[in-house]
Amino acid sequence: AAGSALATVTSAVIGDILMIYYLRTKSKKLTTSIHETKIGWKLQFEIYAIGIPASVTNIMATFAVALTNRYLIVHGADSVAAMGIAMKANMIINMVMVGFAFGAQPLIGYVYGAKDEQRFNKVVKFDIQVVASLAFMLTIILFIFAPQVIRIFMNDPQIVKEGALMLRWLSVSTTLAGI
C-alpha cells in the first residue's frame, strides 16, 4: 500500500512540475502569474455557475461513500472491501458513459449555436440512443460477469460473493450515467 501511495503522489508531482514548466517556458497564451491573469465578471459567473454545482456533487459523493462505509463496517472489513471494489469497477463503466456524453457536448453545442433545432434534436436523440444502448449492454455484462470482475481485484471467496452482489446493484445506475 505504501508503494502504491508513493507512486500515486510521485506521478502527480511529476505531472504538476511538467505542466508548470510548460506554462512558464513554452506557452504564449497561458500563464501561472496571478498578475497577468484577467478574467471578466461575466466569465467568472459562468465558471462558478458550472463549478459550484460540480463541487457540491463531488462533496456529496464523498459523504455518500463515507456513510456507506460507516454502515458497512458493522458487517466487517470484507464488506467494506467488497463495496470498494464494486464501486471502482462500476466507476470504470460509468466513466466510459460520461466520456461518451462529454464527447457529444461539442457537437451538441455546435448544432445548438447554429440554431438548427431539427439537427439539434437528431443529434441529442442519437447520442442518448447510443449511450443508453451501450450502458444497457454493459449493465447486462456486469450482471452476468460480476464475480469475474470482482475476482480481477480480489480472490477472497467472501469478498467476491459480496462484491458481485454489490456490483450488480450498483450497475443499475450505469444506464443513467451518460444521459
C-alpha atoms as a PDB file:
ATOM      1  CA  ALA A   1       0.000   0.000   0.000  1.00  0.00           C
ATOM      2  CA  ALA A   2       2.831   2.414   0.835  1.00  0.00           C
ATOM      3  CA  GLY A   3       4.458   1.790  -2.557  1.00  0.00           C
ATOM      4  CA  SER A   4       1.173   2.424  -4.322  1.00  0.00           C
ATOM      5  CA  ALA A   5       0.645   5.675  -2.426  1.00  0.00           C
ATOM      6  CA  LEU A   6       4.200   6.773  -3.183  1.00  0.00           C
ATOM      7  CA  ALA A   7       3.729   6.021  -6.893  1.00  0.00           C
ATOM      8  CA  THR A   8       0.461   7.975  -6.953  1.00  0.00           C
ATOM      9  CA  VAL A   9       1.955  11.026  -5.252  1.00  0.00           C
ATOM     10  CA  THR A  10       5.147  10.892  -7.323  1.00  0.00           C
ATOM     11  CA  SER A  11       3.256  10.735 -10.621  1.00  0.00           C
ATOM     12  CA  ALA A  12       1.021  13.653  -9.589  1.00  0.00           C
ATOM     13  CA  VAL A  13       4.033  15.767  -8.572  1.00  0.00           C
ATOM     14  CA  ILE A  14       5.887  14.994 -11.808  1.00  0.00           C
ATOM     15  CA  GLY A  15       2.773  15.886 -13.815  1.00  0.00           C
ATOM     16  CA  ASP A  16       2.456  19.187 -11.941  1.00  0.00           C
ATOM     17  CA  ILE A  17       6.130  20.033 -12.470  1.00  0.00           C
ATOM     18  CA  LEU A  18       5.887  19.322 -16.201  1.00  0.00           C
ATOM     19  CA  MET A  19       2.738  21.449 -16.517  1.00  0.00           C
ATOM     20  CA  ILE A  20       4.297  24.388 -14.656  1.00  0.00           C
ATOM     21  CA  TYR A  21       7.455  24.078 -16.769  1.00  0.00           C
ATOM     22  CA  TYR A  22       5.389  24.141 -19.955  1.00  0.00           C
ATOM     23  CA  LEU A  23       3.332  27.117 -18.815  1.00  0.00           C
ATOM     24  CA  ARG A  24       6.434  29.058 -17.754  1.00  0.00           C
ATOM     25  CA  THR A  25       8.606  28.351 -20.795  1.00  0.00           C
ATOM     26  CA  LYS A  26       6.567  27.272 -23.810  1.00  0.00           C
ATOM     27  CA  SER A  27       3.047  28.672 -23.620  1.00  0.00           C
ATOM     28  CA  LYS A  28       2.371  32.006 -25.301  1.00  0.00           C
ATOM     29  CA  LYS A  29      -1.218  32.389 -24.075  1.00  0.00           C
ATOM     30  CA  LEU A  30      -1.345  30.613 -20.720  1.00  0.00           C
ATOM     31  CA  THR A  31       0.461  31.812 -17.622  1.00  0.00           C
ATOM     32  CA  THR A  32       0.949  30.893 -13.986  1.00  0.00           C
ATOM     33  CA  SER A  33       1.229  34.549 -12.972  1.00  0.00           C
ATOM     34  CA  ILE A  34      -1.700  35.927 -10.956  1.00  0.00           C
ATOM     35  CA  HIS A  35      -0.882  39.481 -12.102  1.00  0.00           C
ATOM     36  CA  GLU A  36      -1.175  38.579 -15.787  1.00  0.00           C
ATOM     37  CA  THR A  37      -4.479  36.772 -15.357  1.00  0.00           C
ATOM     38  CA  LYS A  38      -7.583  38.852 -16.000  1.00  0.00           C
ATOM     39  CA  ILE A  39     -11.000  37.268 -16.058  1.00  0.00           C
ATOM     40  CA  GLY A  40     -14.121  39.363 -16.611  1.00  0.00           C
ATOM     41  CA  TRP A  41     -17.085  39.181 -14.242  1.00  0.00           C
ATOM     42  CA  LYS A  42     -19.305  37.520 -16.842  1.00  0.00           C
ATOM     43  CA  LEU A  43     -16.800  34.720 -17.432  1.00  0.00           C
ATOM     44  CA  GLN A  44     -16.264  34.326 -13.675  1.00  0.00           C
ATOM     45  CA  PHE A  45     -20.017  33.941 -13.203  1.00  0.00           C
ATOM     46  CA  GLU A  46     -20.159  31.298 -15.951  1.00  0.00           C
ATOM     47  CA  ILE A  47     -17.255  29.419 -14.379  1.00  0.00           C
ATOM     48  CA  TYR A  48     -18.853  29.498 -10.926  1.00  0.00           C
ATOM     49  CA  ALA A  49     -22.256  28.517 -12.348  1.00  0.00           C
ATOM     50  CA  ILE A  50     -20.676  25.286 -13.571  1.00  0.00           C
ATOM     51  CA  GLY A  51     -18.024  24.811 -10.891  1.00  0.00           C
ATOM     52  CA  ILE A  52     -20.107  25.239  -7.747  1.00  0.00           C
ATOM     53  CA  PRO A  53     -22.721  22.568  -8.584  1.00  0.00           C
ATOM     54  CA  ALA A  54     -19.929  20.213  -9.717  1.00  0.00           C
ATOM     55  CA  SER A  55     -18.097  20.811  -6.432  1.00  0.00           C
ATOM     56  CA  VAL A  56     -21.240  20.182  -4.400  1.00  0.00           C
ATOM     57  CA  THR A  57     -21.797  16.960  -6.353  1.00  0.00           C
ATOM     58  CA  ASN A  58     -18.262  15.769  -5.581  1.00  0.00           C
ATOM     59  CA  ILE A  59     -18.590  16.678  -1.905  1.00  0.00           C
ATOM     60  CA  MET A  60     -21.912  14.838  -1.651  1.00  0.00           C
ATOM     61  CA  ALA A  61     -20.404  11.776  -3.374  1.00  0.00           C
ATOM     62  CA  THR A  62     -17.590  11.781  -0.816  1.00  0.00           C
ATOM     63  CA  PHE A  63     -20.103  11.923   2.041  1.00  0.00           C
ATOM     64  CA  ALA A  64     -22.144   9.138   0.430  1.00  0.00           C
ATOM     65  CA  VAL A  65     -19.089   6.859   0.277  1.00  0.00           C
ATOM     66  CA  ALA A  66     -18.164   7.721   3.871  1.00  0.00           C
ATOM     67  CA  LEU A  67     -21.704   6.954   5.080  1.00  0.00           C
ATOM     68  CA  THR A  68     -21.800   3.726   3.082  1.00  0.00           C
ATOM     69  CA  ASN A  69     -18.517   2.629   4.650  1.00  0.00           C
ATOM     70  CA  ARG A  70     -19.788   3.602   8.101  1.00  0.00           C
ATOM     71  CA  TYR A  71     -22.860   1.404   7.696  1.00  0.00           C
ATOM     72  CA  LEU A  72     -20.889  -1.450   6.133  1.00  0.00           C
ATOM     73  CA  ILE A  73     -18.166  -1.588   8.794  1.00  0.00           C
ATOM     74  CA  VAL A  74     -20.561  -3.275  11.237  1.00  0.00           C
ATOM     75  CA  HIS A  75     -20.612  -6.202   8.777  1.00  0.00           C
ATOM     76  CA  GLY A  76     -16.816  -6.386   8.756  1.00  0.00           C
ATOM     77  CA  ALA A  77     -13.835  -5.246   6.751  1.00  0.00           C
ATOM     78  CA  ASP A  78     -14.656  -7.721   3.967  1.00  0.00           C
ATOM     79  CA  SER A  79     -17.918  -5.889   3.290  1.00  0.00           C
ATOM     80  CA  VAL A  80     -16.115  -2.549   3.099  1.00  0.00           C
ATOM     81  CA  ALA A  81     -13.506  -4.062   0.772  1.00  0.00           C
ATOM     82  CA  ALA A  82     -16.202  -5.658  -1.395  1.00  0.00           C
ATOM     83  CA  MET A  83     -18.044  -2.351  -1.734  1.00  0.00           C
ATOM     84  CA  GLY A  84     -14.827  -0.504  -2.535  1.00  0.00           C
ATOM     85  CA  ILE A  85     -14.002  -2.953  -5.312  1.00  0.00           C
ATOM     86  CA  ALA A  86     -17.559  -2.922  -6.659  1.00  0.00           C
ATOM     87  CA  MET A  87     -17.605   0.879  -6.681  1.00  0.00           C
ATOM     88  CA  LYS A  88     -14.268   1.070  -8.531  1.00  0.00           C
ATOM     89  CA  ALA A  89     -15.374  -1.489 -11.121  1.00  0.00           C
ATOM     90  CA  ASN A  90     -18.674   0.317 -11.606  1.00  0.00           C
ATOM     91  CA  MET A  91     -16.847   3.647 -11.812  1.00  0.00           C
ATOM     92  CA  ILE A  92     -14.834   2.407 -14.794  1.00  0.00           C
ATOM     93  CA  ILE A  93     -18.039   1.690 -16.698  1.00  0.00           C
ATOM     94  CA  ASN A  94     -19.642   4.962 -15.574  1.00  0.00           C
ATOM     95  CA  MET A  95     -16.595   6.928 -16.733  1.00  0.00           C
ATOM     96  CA  VAL A  96     -16.956   5.358 -20.185  1.00  0.00           C
ATOM     97  CA  MET A  97     -20.569   6.538 -20.258  1.00  0.00           C
ATOM     98  CA  VAL A  98     -19.674  10.018 -19.046  1.00  0.00           C
ATOM     99  CA  GLY A  99     -16.898  10.107 -21.653  1.00  0.00           C
ATOM    100  CA  PHE A 100     -19.438   9.474 -24.407  1.00  0.00           C
ATOM    101  CA  ALA A 101     -21.651  12.225 -23.020  1.00  0.00           C
ATOM    102  CA  PHE A 102     -18.733  14.673 -22.806  1.00  0.00           C
ATOM    103  CA  GLY A 103     -17.620  13.682 -26.293  1.00  0.00           C
ATOM    104  CA  ALA A 104     -21.024  14.607 -27.680  1.00  0.00           C
ATOM    105  CA  GLN A 105     -21.110  18.012 -25.977  1.00  0.00           C
ATOM    106  CA  PRO A 106     -19.053  19.919 -28.583  1.00  0.00           C
ATOM    107  CA  LEU A 107     -21.233  18.602 -31.410  1.00  0.00           C
ATOM    108  CA  ILE A 108     -24.407  19.371 -29.492  1.00  0.00           C
ATOM    109  CA  GLY A 109     -23.070  22.847 -28.677  1.00  0.00           C
ATOM    110  CA  TYR A 110     -22.131  23.449 -32.316  1.00  0.00           C
ATOM    111  CA  VAL A 111     -25.582  22.462 -33.591  1.00  0.00           C
ATOM    112  CA  TYR A 112     -27.268  24.454 -30.814  1.00  0.00           C
ATOM    113  CA  GLY A 113     -25.147  27.504 -31.632  1.00  0.00           C
ATOM    114  CA  ALA A 114     -26.129  27.191 -35.301  1.00  0.00           C
ATOM    115  CA  LYS A 115     -29.767  27.344 -34.143  1.00  0.00           C
ATOM    116  CA  ASP A 116     -30.608  24.274 -36.225  1.00  0.00           C
ATOM    117  CA  GLU A 117     -33.334  22.872 -33.974  1.00  0.00           C
ATOM    118  CA  GLN A 118     -34.124  19.871 -36.162  1.00  0.00           C
ATOM    119  CA  ARG A 119     -30.494  18.756 -36.357  1.00  0.00           C
ATOM    120  CA  PHE A 120     -30.035  19.519 -32.642  1.00  0.00           C
ATOM    121  CA  ASN A 121     -32.905  17.185 -31.761  1.00  0.00           C
ATOM    122  CA  LYS A 122     -31.496  14.475 -34.064  1.00  0.00           C
ATOM    123  CA  VAL A 123     -28.013  14.704 -32.530  1.00  0.00           C
ATOM    124  CA  VAL A 124     -29.314  14.612 -28.944  1.00  0.00           C
ATOM    125  CA  LYS A 125     -31.645  11.712 -29.728  1.00  0.00           C
ATOM    126  CA  PHE A 126     -28.843   9.769 -31.449  1.00  0.00           C
ATOM    127  CA  ASP A 127     -26.447  10.404 -28.561  1.00  0.00           C
ATOM    128  CA  ILE A 128     -28.980   9.254 -25.979  1.00  0.00           C
ATOM    129  CA  GLN A 129     -29.729   6.122 -28.020  1.00  0.00           C
ATOM    130  CA  VAL A 130     -26.043   5.230 -28.390  1.00  0.00           C
ATOM    131  CA  VAL A 131     -25.204   5.893 -24.743  1.00  0.00           C
ATOM    132  CA  ALA A 132     -28.311   4.159 -23.388  1.00  0.00           C
ATOM    133  CA  SER A 133     -27.747   1.109 -25.632  1.00  0.00           C
ATOM    134  CA  LEU A 134     -24.087   0.823 -24.667  1.00  0.00           C
ATOM    135  CA  ALA A 135     -24.913   1.333 -20.999  1.00  0.00           C
ATOM    136  CA  PHE A 136     -27.633  -1.314 -21.148  1.00  0.00           C
ATOM    137  CA  MET A 137     -25.215  -3.801 -22.733  1.00  0.00           C
ATOM    138  CA  LEU A 138     -22.516  -3.017 -20.160  1.00  0.00           C
ATOM    139  CA  THR A 139     -25.056  -3.389 -17.348  1.00  0.00           C
ATOM    140  CA  ILE A 140     -26.006  -6.841 -18.629  1.00  0.00           C
ATOM    141  CA  ILE A 141     -22.304  -7.758 -18.868  1.00  0.00           C
ATOM    142  CA  LEU A 142     -21.710  -6.561 -15.286  1.00  0.00           C
ATOM    143  CA  PHE A 143     -24.708  -8.563 -14.070  1.00  0.00           C
ATOM    144  CA  ILE A 144     -23.541 -11.739 -15.768  1.00  0.00           C
ATOM    145  CA  PHE A 145     -19.818 -11.424 -15.068  1.00  0.00           C
ATOM    146  CA  ALA A 146     -19.914  -9.651 -11.677  1.00  0.00           C
ATOM    147  CA  PRO A 147     -17.958 -12.384  -9.827  1.00  0.00           C
ATOM    148  CA  GLN A 148     -15.272 -12.475 -12.511  1.00  0.00           C
ATOM    149  CA  VAL A 149     -14.950  -8.678 -12.443  1.00  0.00           C
ATOM    150  CA  ILE A 150     -14.557  -8.666  -8.653  1.00  0.00           C
ATOM    151  CA  ARG A 151     -12.035 -11.529  -8.904  1.00  0.00           C
ATOM    152  CA  ILE A 152      -9.794  -9.303 -11.047  1.00  0.00           C
ATOM    153  CA  PHE A 153      -9.195  -7.218  -7.924  1.00  0.00           C
ATOM    154  CA  MET A 154      -9.515  -9.764  -5.090  1.00  0.00           C
ATOM    155  CA  ASN A 155      -9.720 -13.546  -4.947  1.00  0.00           C
ATOM    156  CA  ASP A 156     -11.178 -13.972  -1.447  1.00  0.00           C
ATOM    157  CA  PRO A 157     -14.424 -16.008  -1.848  1.00  0.00           C
ATOM    158  CA  GLN A 158     -16.409 -13.941   0.686  1.00  0.00           C
ATOM    159  CA  ILE A 159     -15.355 -10.635  -0.890  1.00  0.00           C
ATOM    160  CA  VAL A 160     -16.120 -11.987  -4.374  1.00  0.00           C
ATOM    161  CA  LYS A 161     -19.592 -13.114  -3.224  1.00  0.00           C
ATOM    162  CA  GLU A 162     -20.446  -9.808  -1.523  1.00  0.00           C
ATOM    163  CA  GLY A 163     -18.732  -7.694  -4.173  1.00  0.00           C
ATOM    164  CA  ALA A 164     -20.619  -9.410  -7.007  1.00  0.00           C
ATOM    165  CA  LEU A 165     -23.952  -8.683  -5.325  1.00  0.00           C
ATOM    166  CA  MET A 166     -22.956  -5.068  -4.685  1.00  0.00           C
ATOM    167  CA  LEU A 167     -21.680  -4.638  -8.252  1.00  0.00           C
ATOM    168  CA  ARG A 168     -24.965  -5.923  -9.628  1.00  0.00           C
ATOM    169  CA  TRP A 169     -26.880  -3.366  -7.574  1.00  0.00           C
ATOM    170  CA  LEU A 170     -24.507  -0.549  -8.498  1.00  0.00           C
ATOM    171  CA  SER A 171     -24.550  -1.405 -12.198  1.00  0.00           C
ATOM    172  CA  VAL A 172     -28.227  -0.460 -12.419  1.00  0.00           C
ATOM    173  CA  SER A 173     -27.115   3.192 -12.392  1.00  0.00           C
ATOM    174  CA  THR A 174     -24.888   2.671 -15.445  1.00  0.00           C
ATOM    175  CA  THR A 175     -27.711   3.313 -17.894  1.00  0.00           C
ATOM    176  CA  LEU A 176     -28.275   6.750 -16.365  1.00  0.00           C
ATOM    177  CA  ALA A 177     -24.592   7.734 -16.098  1.00  0.00           C
ATOM    178  CA  GLY A 178     -24.140   9.007 -19.635  1.00  0.00           C
ATOM    179  CA  ILE A 179     -27.536  10.581 -20.165  1.00  0.00           C
END
